[in-house]
Structures are given as C-alpha cells and as structure tokens.
All heavy atoms as atom14 arrays in JSON, in Angstrom:
{
  "sequence": "GLLAGQEFDVTLTGDESLSKRPMERVAKPLRDMGAVIETGEGGRPPIK",
  "atom14_mask": [
    [1, 1, 1, 1, 0, 0, 0, 0, 0, 0, 0, 0, 0, 0],
    [1, 1, 1, 1, 1, 1, 1, 1, 0, 0, 0, 0, 0, 0],
    [1, 1, 1, 1, 1, 1, 1, 1, 0, 0, 0, 0, 0, 0],
    [1, 1, 1, 1, 1, 0, 0, 0, 0, 0, 0, 0, 0, 0],
    [1, 1, 1, 1, 0, 0, 0, 0, 0, 0, 0, 0, 0, 0],
    [1, 1, 1, 1, 1, 1, 1, 1, 1, 0, 0, 0, 0, 0],
    [1, 1, 1, 1, 1, 1, 1, 1, 1, 0, 0, 0, 0, 0],
    [1, 1, 1, 1, 1, 1, 1, 1, 1, 1, 1, 0, 0, 0],
    [1, 1, 1, 1, 1, 1, 1, 1, 0, 0, 0, 0, 0, 0],
    [1, 1, 1, 1, 1, 1, 1, 0, 0, 0, 0, 0, 0, 0],
    [1, 1, 1, 1, 1, 1, 1, 0, 0, 0, 0, 0, 0, 0],
    [1, 1, 1, 1, 1, 1, 1, 1, 0, 0, 0, 0, 0, 0],
    [1, 1, 1, 1, 1, 1, 1, 0, 0, 0, 0, 0, 0, 0],
    [1, 1, 1, 1, 0, 0, 0, 0, 0, 0, 0, 0, 0, 0],
    [1, 1, 1, 1, 1, 1, 1, 1, 0, 0, 0, 0, 0, 0],
    [1, 1, 1, 1, 1, 1, 1, 1, 1, 0, 0, 0, 0, 0],
    [1, 1, 1, 1, 1, 1, 0, 0, 0, 0, 0, 0, 0, 0],
    [1, 1, 1, 1, 1, 1, 1, 1, 0, 0, 0, 0, 0, 0],
    [1, 1, 1, 1, 1, 1, 0, 0, 0, 0, 0, 0, 0, 0],
    [1, 1, 1, 1, 1, 1, 1, 1, 1, 0, 0, 0, 0, 0],
    [1, 1, 1, 1, 1, 1, 1, 1, 1, 1, 1, 0, 0, 0],
    [1, 1, 1, 1, 1, 1, 1, 0, 0, 0, 0, 0, 0, 0],
    [1, 1, 1, 1, 1, 1, 1, 1, 0, 0, 0, 0, 0, 0],
    [1, 1, 1, 1, 1, 1, 1, 1, 1, 0, 0, 0, 0, 0],
    [1, 1, 1, 1, 1, 1, 1, 1, 1, 1, 1, 0, 0, 0],
    [1, 1, 1, 1, 1, 1, 1, 0, 0, 0, 0, 0, 0, 0],
    [1, 1, 1, 1, 1, 0, 0, 0, 0, 0, 0, 0, 0, 0],
    [1, 1, 1, 1, 1, 1, 1, 1, 1, 0, 0, 0, 0, 0],
    [1, 1, 1, 1, 1, 1, 1, 0, 0, 0, 0, 0, 0, 0],
    [1, 1, 1, 1, 1, 1, 1, 1, 0, 0, 0, 0, 0, 0],
    [1, 1, 1, 1, 1, 1, 1, 1, 1, 1, 1, 0, 0, 0],
    [1, 1, 1, 1, 1, 1, 1, 1, 0, 0, 0, 0, 0, 0],
    [1, 1, 1, 1, 1, 1, 1, 1, 0, 0, 0, 0, 0, 0],
    [1, 1, 1, 1, 0, 0, 0, 0, 0, 0, 0, 0, 0, 0],
    [1, 1, 1, 1, 1, 0, 0, 0, 0, 0, 0, 0, 0, 0],
    [1, 1, 1, 1, 1, 1, 1, 0, 0, 0, 0, 0, 0, 0],
    [1, 1, 1, 1, 1, 1, 1, 1, 0, 0, 0, 0, 0, 0],
    [1, 1, 1, 1, 1, 1, 1, 1, 1, 0, 0, 0, 0, 0],
    [1, 1, 1, 1, 1, 1, 1, 0, 0, 0, 0, 0, 0, 0],
    [1, 1, 1, 1, 0, 0, 0, 0, 0, 0, 0, 0, 0, 0],
    [1, 1, 1, 1, 1, 1, 1, 1, 1, 0, 0, 0, 0, 0],
    [1, 1, 1, 1, 0, 0, 0, 0, 0, 0, 0, 0, 0, 0],
    [1, 1, 1, 1, 0, 0, 0, 0, 0, 0, 0, 0, 0, 0],
    [1, 1, 1, 1, 1, 1, 1, 1, 1, 1, 1, 0, 0, 0],
    [1, 1, 1, 1, 1, 1, 1, 0, 0, 0, 0, 0, 0, 0],
    [1, 1, 1, 1, 1, 1, 1, 0, 0, 0, 0, 0, 0, 0],
    [1, 1, 1, 1, 1, 1, 1, 1, 0, 0, 0, 0, 0, 0],
    [1, 1, 1, 1, 1, 1, 1, 1, 1, 0, 0, 0, 0, 0]
  ],
  "atom14_positions": [
    [[364.49, -40.73, -0.99], [365.67, -39.95, -1.23], [365.65, -38.62, -0.49], [366.65, -38.26, 0.15], [0.0, 0.0, 0.0], [0.0, 0.0, 0.0], [0.0, 0.0, 0.0], [0.0, 0.0, 0.0], [0.0, 0.0, 0.0], [0.0, 0.0, 0.0], [0.0, 0.0, 0.0], [0.0, 0.0, 0.0], [0.0, 0.0, 0.0], [0.0, 0.0, 0.0]],
    [[364.55, -37.91, -0.55], [364.44, -36.62, 0.12], [364.52, -36.73, 1.63], [365.11, -35.92, 2.33], [363.13, -35.94, -0.27], [363.05, -35.33, -1.67], [361.68, -34.76, -1.89], [364.1, -34.22, -1.83], [0.0, 0.0, 0.0], [0.0, 0.0, 0.0], [0.0, 0.0, 0.0], [0.0, 0.0, 0.0], [0.0, 0.0, 0.0], [0.0, 0.0, 0.0]],
    [[363.9, -37.79, 2.17], [363.79, -37.95, 3.6], [365.03, -38.55, 4.26], [365.2, -38.43, 5.47], [362.54, -38.76, 3.97], [361.21, -38.13, 3.55], [360.06, -39.08, 3.79], [360.98, -36.82, 4.3], [0.0, 0.0, 0.0], [0.0, 0.0, 0.0], [0.0, 0.0, 0.0], [0.0, 0.0, 0.0], [0.0, 0.0, 0.0], [0.0, 0.0, 0.0]],
    [[365.86, -39.19, 3.46], [367.08, -39.81, 4.02], [367.99, -38.77, 4.65], [368.78, -39.09, 5.54], [367.81, -40.58, 2.94], [0.0, 0.0, 0.0], [0.0, 0.0, 0.0], [0.0, 0.0, 0.0], [0.0, 0.0, 0.0], [0.0, 0.0, 0.0], [0.0, 0.0, 0.0], [0.0, 0.0, 0.0], [0.0, 0.0, 0.0], [0.0, 0.0, 0.0]],
    [[367.91, -37.52, 4.18], [368.78, -36.47, 4.7], [368.15, -35.52, 5.7], [368.77, -34.5, 6.04], [0.0, 0.0, 0.0], [0.0, 0.0, 0.0], [0.0, 0.0, 0.0], [0.0, 0.0, 0.0], [0.0, 0.0, 0.0], [0.0, 0.0, 0.0], [0.0, 0.0, 0.0], [0.0, 0.0, 0.0], [0.0, 0.0, 0.0], [0.0, 0.0, 0.0]],
    [[366.92, -35.85, 6.18], [366.27, -34.98, 7.15], [366.74, -35.25, 8.58], [367.34, -36.29, 8.85], [364.74, -35.12, 7.04], [364.2, -34.85, 5.65], [364.51, -33.46, 5.14], [364.48, -32.49, 5.89], [364.8, -33.35, 3.85], [0.0, 0.0, 0.0], [0.0, 0.0, 0.0], [0.0, 0.0, 0.0], [0.0, 0.0, 0.0], [0.0, 0.0, 0.0]],
    [[366.38, -34.38, 9.46], [366.79, -34.51, 10.87], [365.79, -35.34, 11.69], [366.06, -35.62, 12.85], [366.95, -33.12, 11.51], [368.11, -32.31, 10.96], [369.44, -33.02, 11.21], [369.66, -33.5, 12.36], [370.26, -33.08, 10.28], [0.0, 0.0, 0.0], [0.0, 0.0, 0.0], [0.0, 0.0, 0.0], [0.0, 0.0, 0.0], [0.0, 0.0, 0.0]],
    [[364.66, -35.7, 11.12], [363.63, -36.42, 11.87], [363.41, -37.82, 11.31], [363.69, -38.1, 10.15], [362.31, -35.64, 11.85], [361.87, -35.19, 10.47], [361.21, -36.07, 9.6], [362.12, -33.91, 10.03], [360.79, -35.68, 8.34], [361.72, -33.49, 8.78], [361.04, -34.37, 7.93], [0.0, 0.0, 0.0], [0.0, 0.0, 0.0], [0.0, 0.0, 0.0]],
    [[362.92, -38.69, 12.19], [362.55, -40.06, 11.78], [361.2, -39.99, 11.06], [360.34, -39.16, 11.37], [362.4, -40.98, 13.01], [363.71, -41.14, 13.78], [364.74, -40.71, 13.27], [363.63, -41.72, 14.88], [0.0, 0.0, 0.0], [0.0, 0.0, 0.0], [0.0, 0.0, 0.0], [0.0, 0.0, 0.0], [0.0, 0.0, 0.0], [0.0, 0.0, 0.0]],
    [[361.01, -40.93, 10.15], [359.74, -40.95, 9.41], [359.48, -42.37, 8.92], [360.4, -43.13, 8.64], [359.77, -39.94, 8.23], [360.77, -40.36, 7.17], [358.38, -39.79, 7.61], [0.0, 0.0, 0.0], [0.0, 0.0, 0.0], [0.0, 0.0, 0.0], [0.0, 0.0, 0.0], [0.0, 0.0, 0.0], [0.0, 0.0, 0.0], [0.0, 0.0, 0.0]],
    [[358.19, -42.7, 8.83], [357.75, -44.0, 8.3], [356.85, -43.76, 7.1], [355.97, -42.89, 7.14], [357.0, -44.82, 9.37], [357.85, -45.07, 10.46], [356.5, -46.14, 8.78], [0.0, 0.0, 0.0], [0.0, 0.0, 0.0], [0.0, 0.0, 0.0], [0.0, 0.0, 0.0], [0.0, 0.0, 0.0], [0.0, 0.0, 0.0], [0.0, 0.0, 0.0]],
    [[357.09, -44.5, 6.02], [356.29, -44.41, 4.82], [355.45, -45.69, 4.69], [355.99, -46.79, 4.74], [357.17, -44.26, 3.57], [358.1, -43.06, 3.55], [359.02, -43.12, 2.34], [357.34, -41.74, 3.57], [0.0, 0.0, 0.0], [0.0, 0.0, 0.0], [0.0, 0.0, 0.0], [0.0, 0.0, 0.0], [0.0, 0.0, 0.0], [0.0, 0.0, 0.0]],
    [[354.13, -45.52, 4.51], [353.25, -46.64, 4.35], [352.45, -46.49, 3.06], [352.45, -45.42, 2.44], [352.27, -46.78, 5.53], [351.38, -45.65, 5.55], [353.01, -46.86, 6.85], [0.0, 0.0, 0.0], [0.0, 0.0, 0.0], [0.0, 0.0, 0.0], [0.0, 0.0, 0.0], [0.0, 0.0, 0.0], [0.0, 0.0, 0.0], [0.0, 0.0, 0.0]],
    [[351.73, -47.53, 2.66], [350.9, -47.48, 1.46], [349.74, -48.45, 1.55], [349.56, -49.14, 2.57], [0.0, 0.0, 0.0], [0.0, 0.0, 0.0], [0.0, 0.0, 0.0], [0.0, 0.0, 0.0], [0.0, 0.0, 0.0], [0.0, 0.0, 0.0], [0.0, 0.0, 0.0], [0.0, 0.0, 0.0], [0.0, 0.0, 0.0], [0.0, 0.0, 0.0]],
    [[348.95, -48.5, 0.5], [347.83, -49.41, 0.48], [348.29, -50.85, 0.22], [349.5, -51.12, 0.14], [346.78, -48.96, -0.51], [347.25, -49.07, -1.97], [348.33, -49.63, -2.23], [346.51, -48.59, -2.87], [0.0, 0.0, 0.0], [0.0, 0.0, 0.0], [0.0, 0.0, 0.0], [0.0, 0.0, 0.0], [0.0, 0.0, 0.0], [0.0, 0.0, 0.0]],
    [[347.34, -51.76, 0.11], [347.68, -53.16, -0.06], [348.53, -53.42, -1.27], [349.49, -54.21, -1.25], [346.4, -53.99, -0.13], [346.61, -55.48, -0.22], [345.3, -56.28, -0.28], [344.24, -55.63, -0.24], [345.37, -57.5, -0.36], [0.0, 0.0, 0.0], [0.0, 0.0, 0.0], [0.0, 0.0, 0.0], [0.0, 0.0, 0.0], [0.0, 0.0, 0.0]],
    [[348.23, -52.75, -2.37], [348.99, -52.95, -3.61], [350.42, -52.45, -3.47], [351.38, -53.14, -3.81], [348.29, -52.24, -4.78], [349.07, -52.28, -5.94], [0.0, 0.0, 0.0], [0.0, 0.0, 0.0], [0.0, 0.0, 0.0], [0.0, 0.0, 0.0], [0.0, 0.0, 0.0], [0.0, 0.0, 0.0], [0.0, 0.0, 0.0], [0.0, 0.0, 0.0]],
    [[350.57, -51.23, -2.97], [351.91, -50.66, -2.82], [352.74, -51.44, -1.83], [353.98, -51.56, -1.97], [351.82, -49.18, -2.38], [353.12, -48.41, -2.22], [353.93, -48.45, -3.52], [352.87, -46.97, -1.8], [0.0, 0.0, 0.0], [0.0, 0.0, 0.0], [0.0, 0.0, 0.0], [0.0, 0.0, 0.0], [0.0, 0.0, 0.0], [0.0, 0.0, 0.0]],
    [[352.1, -52.01, -0.86], [352.8, -52.77, 0.19], [353.41, -54.06, -0.34], [354.14, -54.74, 0.41], [351.85, -53.08, 1.38], [351.43, -51.87, 1.97], [0.0, 0.0, 0.0], [0.0, 0.0, 0.0], [0.0, 0.0, 0.0], [0.0, 0.0, 0.0], [0.0, 0.0, 0.0], [0.0, 0.0, 0.0], [0.0, 0.0, 0.0], [0.0, 0.0, 0.0]],
    [[353.13, -54.42, -1.58], [353.73, -55.61, -2.17], [354.87, -55.3, -3.13], [355.46, -56.22, -3.7], [352.63, -56.39, -2.96], [351.49, -56.9, -2.11], [350.42, -57.55, -2.96], [349.26, -58.08, -2.1], [348.17, -58.63, -2.92], [0.0, 0.0, 0.0], [0.0, 0.0, 0.0], [0.0, 0.0, 0.0], [0.0, 0.0, 0.0], [0.0, 0.0, 0.0]],
    [[355.17, -54.01, -3.29], [356.15, -53.63, -4.31], [357.57, -53.52, -3.72], [357.74, -53.12, -2.54], [355.73, -52.33, -4.96], [354.39, -52.5, -5.67], [353.87, -51.2, -6.27], [354.7, -50.76, -7.39], [354.46, -49.66, -8.08], [353.45, -48.9, -7.76], [355.26, -49.32, -9.07], [0.0, 0.0, 0.0], [0.0, 0.0, 0.0], [0.0, 0.0, 0.0]],
    [[358.59, -53.86, -4.49], [359.98, -53.89, -3.99], [360.53, -52.51, -3.72], [360.42, -51.61, -4.55], [360.74, -54.58, -5.12], [359.95, -54.29, -6.36], [358.53, -54.25, -5.93], [0.0, 0.0, 0.0], [0.0, 0.0, 0.0], [0.0, 0.0, 0.0], [0.0, 0.0, 0.0], [0.0, 0.0, 0.0], [0.0, 0.0, 0.0], [0.0, 0.0, 0.0]],
    [[361.15, -52.34, -2.55], [361.71, -51.03, -2.14], [363.21, -51.12, -1.85], [363.85, -50.09, -1.61], [360.96, -50.49, -0.93], [359.5, -50.11, -1.25], [359.41, -48.76, -2.45], [357.77, -49.03, -3.12], [0.0, 0.0, 0.0], [0.0, 0.0, 0.0], [0.0, 0.0, 0.0], [0.0, 0.0, 0.0], [0.0, 0.0, 0.0], [0.0, 0.0, 0.0]],
    [[363.77, -52.32, -1.83], [365.21, -52.42, -1.57], [366.0, -51.78, -2.7], [367.17, -51.37, -2.52], [365.62, -53.88, -1.41], [365.42, -54.44, -0.02], [366.29, -53.72, 1.02], [367.47, -53.52, 0.75], [365.75, -53.37, 2.08], [0.0, 0.0, 0.0], [0.0, 0.0, 0.0], [0.0, 0.0, 0.0], [0.0, 0.0, 0.0], [0.0, 0.0, 0.0]],
    [[365.44, -51.65, -3.87], [366.16, -51.05, -5.0], [366.5, -49.58, -4.71], [367.46, -49.07, -5.28], [365.31, -51.17, -6.27], [363.93, -50.54, -6.19], [363.16, -50.66, -7.48], [363.04, -52.06, -7.89], [362.47, -52.44, -9.02], [362.02, -51.52, -9.86], [362.37, -53.68, -9.33], [0.0, 0.0, 0.0], [0.0, 0.0, 0.0], [0.0, 0.0, 0.0]],
    [[365.7, -48.91, -3.86], [366.1, -47.55, -3.46], [366.79, -47.56, -2.1], [367.67, -46.73, -1.83], [364.88, -46.59, -3.4], [364.34, -46.35, -4.8], [363.78, -47.06, -2.47], [0.0, 0.0, 0.0], [0.0, 0.0, 0.0], [0.0, 0.0, 0.0], [0.0, 0.0, 0.0], [0.0, 0.0, 0.0], [0.0, 0.0, 0.0], [0.0, 0.0, 0.0]],
    [[366.47, -48.52, -1.26], [367.09, -48.58, 0.07], [368.58, -48.86, -0.02], [369.38, -48.31, 0.75], [366.39, -49.66, 0.93], [0.0, 0.0, 0.0], [0.0, 0.0, 0.0], [0.0, 0.0, 0.0], [0.0, 0.0, 0.0], [0.0, 0.0, 0.0], [0.0, 0.0, 0.0], [0.0, 0.0, 0.0], [0.0, 0.0, 0.0], [0.0, 0.0, 0.0]],
    [[368.99, -49.74, -0.96], [370.41, -50.12, -1.05], [371.33, -48.93, -1.35], [372.3, -48.68, -0.6], [370.6, -51.25, -2.08], [372.05, -51.7, -2.19], [372.24, -52.67, -3.33], [373.71, -53.12, -3.4], [374.63, -51.97, -3.57], [0.0, 0.0, 0.0], [0.0, 0.0, 0.0], [0.0, 0.0, 0.0], [0.0, 0.0, 0.0], [0.0, 0.0, 0.0]],
    [[371.08, -48.18, -2.44], [371.98, -47.04, -2.65], [371.91, -45.95, -1.58], [372.93, -45.32, -1.28], [371.48, -46.47, -4.02], [370.1, -46.99, -4.19], [370.09, -48.3, -3.54], [0.0, 0.0, 0.0], [0.0, 0.0, 0.0], [0.0, 0.0, 0.0], [0.0, 0.0, 0.0], [0.0, 0.0, 0.0], [0.0, 0.0, 0.0], [0.0, 0.0, 0.0]],
    [[370.75, -45.82, -0.96], [370.66, -44.85, 0.15], [371.51, -45.29, 1.34], [372.15, -44.46, 2.0], [369.19, -44.66, 0.57], [368.3, -43.96, -0.45], [366.85, -43.9, 0.05], [368.79, -42.56, -0.73], [0.0, 0.0, 0.0], [0.0, 0.0, 0.0], [0.0, 0.0, 0.0], [0.0, 0.0, 0.0], [0.0, 0.0, 0.0], [0.0, 0.0, 0.0]],
    [[371.53, -46.56, 1.61], [372.4, -47.07, 2.69], [373.89, -46.84, 2.33], [374.71, -46.51, 3.19], [372.13, -48.57, 2.92], [370.77, -48.86, 3.53], [370.7, -50.33, 4.01], [369.34, -50.68, 4.34], [368.56, -51.46, 3.62], [369.04, -51.99, 2.49], [367.33, -51.72, 3.99], [0.0, 0.0, 0.0], [0.0, 0.0, 0.0], [0.0, 0.0, 0.0]],
    [[374.22, -47.01, 1.03], [375.58, -46.73, 0.58], [375.98, -45.28, 0.83], [377.15, -44.95, 1.03], [375.75, -47.05, -0.92], [375.62, -48.55, -1.2], [375.73, -49.35, -0.26], [375.42, -48.89, -2.38], [0.0, 0.0, 0.0], [0.0, 0.0, 0.0], [0.0, 0.0, 0.0], [0.0, 0.0, 0.0], [0.0, 0.0, 0.0], [0.0, 0.0, 0.0]],
    [[374.98, -44.38, 0.86], [375.25, -42.96, 1.09], [375.29, -42.63, 2.57], [375.58, -41.52, 2.96], [374.15, -42.12, 0.43], [374.11, -42.3, -1.09], [372.77, -41.38, -1.88], [373.4, -39.72, -1.78], [0.0, 0.0, 0.0], [0.0, 0.0, 0.0], [0.0, 0.0, 0.0], [0.0, 0.0, 0.0], [0.0, 0.0, 0.0], [0.0, 0.0, 0.0]],
    [[374.95, -43.64, 3.43], [374.99, -43.41, 4.87], [373.63, -43.3, 5.52], [373.52, -43.06, 6.73], [0.0, 0.0, 0.0], [0.0, 0.0, 0.0], [0.0, 0.0, 0.0], [0.0, 0.0, 0.0], [0.0, 0.0, 0.0], [0.0, 0.0, 0.0], [0.0, 0.0, 0.0], [0.0, 0.0, 0.0], [0.0, 0.0, 0.0], [0.0, 0.0, 0.0]],
    [[372.56, -43.52, 4.76], [371.21, -43.49, 5.33], [370.98, -44.72, 6.17], [371.48, -45.79, 5.9], [370.17, -43.37, 4.23], [0.0, 0.0, 0.0], [0.0, 0.0, 0.0], [0.0, 0.0, 0.0], [0.0, 0.0, 0.0], [0.0, 0.0, 0.0], [0.0, 0.0, 0.0], [0.0, 0.0, 0.0], [0.0, 0.0, 0.0], [0.0, 0.0, 0.0]],
    [[370.12, -44.53, 7.22], [369.67, -45.66, 8.0], [368.2, -45.88, 7.63], [367.33, -45.09, 7.98], [369.81, -45.39, 9.52], [369.25, -46.55, 10.32], [371.27, -45.16, 9.85], [0.0, 0.0, 0.0], [0.0, 0.0, 0.0], [0.0, 0.0, 0.0], [0.0, 0.0, 0.0], [0.0, 0.0, 0.0], [0.0, 0.0, 0.0], [0.0, 0.0, 0.0]],
    [[367.97, -46.95, 6.89], [366.65, -47.17, 6.31], [366.31, -48.65, 6.43], [367.12, -49.53, 6.2], [366.62, -46.71, 4.85], [365.26, -46.92, 4.22], [367.7, -47.35, 4.01], [365.11, -46.2, 2.86], [0.0, 0.0, 0.0], [0.0, 0.0, 0.0], [0.0, 0.0, 0.0], [0.0, 0.0, 0.0], [0.0, 0.0, 0.0], [0.0, 0.0, 0.0]],
    [[365.07, -48.93, 6.83], [364.62, -50.29, 7.1], [363.35, -50.52, 6.32], [362.4, -49.74, 6.36], [364.36, -50.46, 8.59], [363.8, -51.79, 8.98], [363.44, -51.84, 10.47], [364.05, -51.06, 11.25], [362.57, -52.65, 10.84], [0.0, 0.0, 0.0], [0.0, 0.0, 0.0], [0.0, 0.0, 0.0], [0.0, 0.0, 0.0], [0.0, 0.0, 0.0]],
    [[363.36, -51.62, 5.53], [362.15, -51.99, 4.79], [361.44, -53.14, 5.54], [362.02, -53.78, 6.43], [362.49, -52.44, 3.37], [363.42, -53.52, 3.42], [363.09, -51.3, 2.56], [0.0, 0.0, 0.0], [0.0, 0.0, 0.0], [0.0, 0.0, 0.0], [0.0, 0.0, 0.0], [0.0, 0.0, 0.0], [0.0, 0.0, 0.0], [0.0, 0.0, 0.0]],
    [[360.21, -53.42, 5.1], [359.45, -54.48, 5.74], [359.81, -55.85, 5.19], [360.86, -56.0, 4.49], [0.0, 0.0, 0.0], [0.0, 0.0, 0.0], [0.0, 0.0, 0.0], [0.0, 0.0, 0.0], [0.0, 0.0, 0.0], [0.0, 0.0, 0.0], [0.0, 0.0, 0.0], [0.0, 0.0, 0.0], [0.0, 0.0, 0.0], [0.0, 0.0, 0.0]],
    [[358.99, -56.81, 5.49], [359.26, -58.2, 5.06], [359.43, -58.28, 3.53], [358.64, -57.74, 2.81], [358.13, -59.11, 5.51], [358.31, -60.57, 5.19], [357.19, -61.44, 5.7], [356.28, -60.9, 6.37], [357.17, -62.63, 5.39], [0.0, 0.0, 0.0], [0.0, 0.0, 0.0], [0.0, 0.0, 0.0], [0.0, 0.0, 0.0], [0.0, 0.0, 0.0]],
    [[360.48, -58.96, 3.09], [360.7, -59.12, 1.68], [361.15, -57.85, 0.98], [361.08, -57.74, -0.26], [0.0, 0.0, 0.0], [0.0, 0.0, 0.0], [0.0, 0.0, 0.0], [0.0, 0.0, 0.0], [0.0, 0.0, 0.0], [0.0, 0.0, 0.0], [0.0, 0.0, 0.0], [0.0, 0.0, 0.0], [0.0, 0.0, 0.0], [0.0, 0.0, 0.0]],
    [[361.65, -56.88, 1.75], [362.11, -55.62, 1.15], [360.98, -54.73, 0.67], [361.18, -53.88, -0.18], [0.0, 0.0, 0.0], [0.0, 0.0, 0.0], [0.0, 0.0, 0.0], [0.0, 0.0, 0.0], [0.0, 0.0, 0.0], [0.0, 0.0, 0.0], [0.0, 0.0, 0.0], [0.0, 0.0, 0.0], [0.0, 0.0, 0.0], [0.0, 0.0, 0.0]],
    [[359.81, -54.9, 1.29], [358.63, -54.14, 0.85], [358.22, -53.15, 1.95], [358.75, -53.18, 3.06], [357.48, -55.11, 0.53], [357.82, -56.04, -0.64], [356.72, -57.04, -0.9], [356.95, -57.79, -2.12], [357.72, -58.85, -2.22], [358.34, -59.31, -1.14], [357.92, -59.47, -3.36], [0.0, 0.0, 0.0], [0.0, 0.0, 0.0], [0.0, 0.0, 0.0]],
    [[357.3, -52.23, 1.63], [356.83, -51.29, 2.66], [356.21, -52.04, 3.83], [355.75, -53.19, 3.67], [355.79, -50.45, 1.91], [356.16, -50.58, 0.46], [356.69, -51.99, 0.32], [0.0, 0.0, 0.0], [0.0, 0.0, 0.0], [0.0, 0.0, 0.0], [0.0, 0.0, 0.0], [0.0, 0.0, 0.0], [0.0, 0.0, 0.0], [0.0, 0.0, 0.0]],
    [[356.14, -51.39, 5.02], [356.52, -49.99, 5.26], [358.0, -49.77, 5.31], [358.78, -50.69, 5.53], [355.89, -49.73, 6.67], [355.85, -51.07, 7.32], [355.59, -52.07, 6.23], [0.0, 0.0, 0.0], [0.0, 0.0, 0.0], [0.0, 0.0, 0.0], [0.0, 0.0, 0.0], [0.0, 0.0, 0.0], [0.0, 0.0, 0.0], [0.0, 0.0, 0.0]],
    [[358.4, -48.49, 5.1], [359.8, -48.1, 5.12], [360.02, -47.14, 6.28], [359.29, -46.16, 6.44], [360.18, -47.4, 3.81], [360.01, -48.33, 2.63], [361.62, -46.89, 3.86], [360.25, -47.69, 1.28], [0.0, 0.0, 0.0], [0.0, 0.0, 0.0], [0.0, 0.0, 0.0], [0.0, 0.0, 0.0], [0.0, 0.0, 0.0], [0.0, 0.0, 0.0]],
    [[361.03, -47.45, 7.11], [361.35, -46.6, 8.24], [362.71, -45.96, 8.01], [363.69, -46.66, 7.72], [361.37, -47.42, 9.54], [360.02, -48.02, 9.89], [360.08, -48.83, 11.19], [358.72, -49.42, 11.52], [358.75, -50.23, 12.77], [0.0, 0.0, 0.0], [0.0, 0.0, 0.0], [0.0, 0.0, 0.0], [0.0, 0.0, 0.0], [0.0, 0.0, 0.0]]
  ]
}
C-alpha cells in the first residue's frame, strides 16, 4: 500500500514460506486505485 504511490519501481521478495502466501488480495484493490502491480505465479510473491 505504501509503495504503490511512490515515484520509484520496487520489488518485494520473501523467504520460502512467504513466497507461498496469497498476495492478490492486496494487489486487486491497489489496481482498482490505479497502481501497476504484478504478482508472481499463482498470485504469490515476488511482487513488482
């Protein structure tokens, strides 16, 4: 949420456990707000 409104590109990564957790639940409303956000396979990290 904080990074969706910044002027720079950023990628968020995590460990093996975090990389299996769903992230589309935050990506969807952020896209509705105009953010350009890309999740990995299956809607999981990494997030760009």
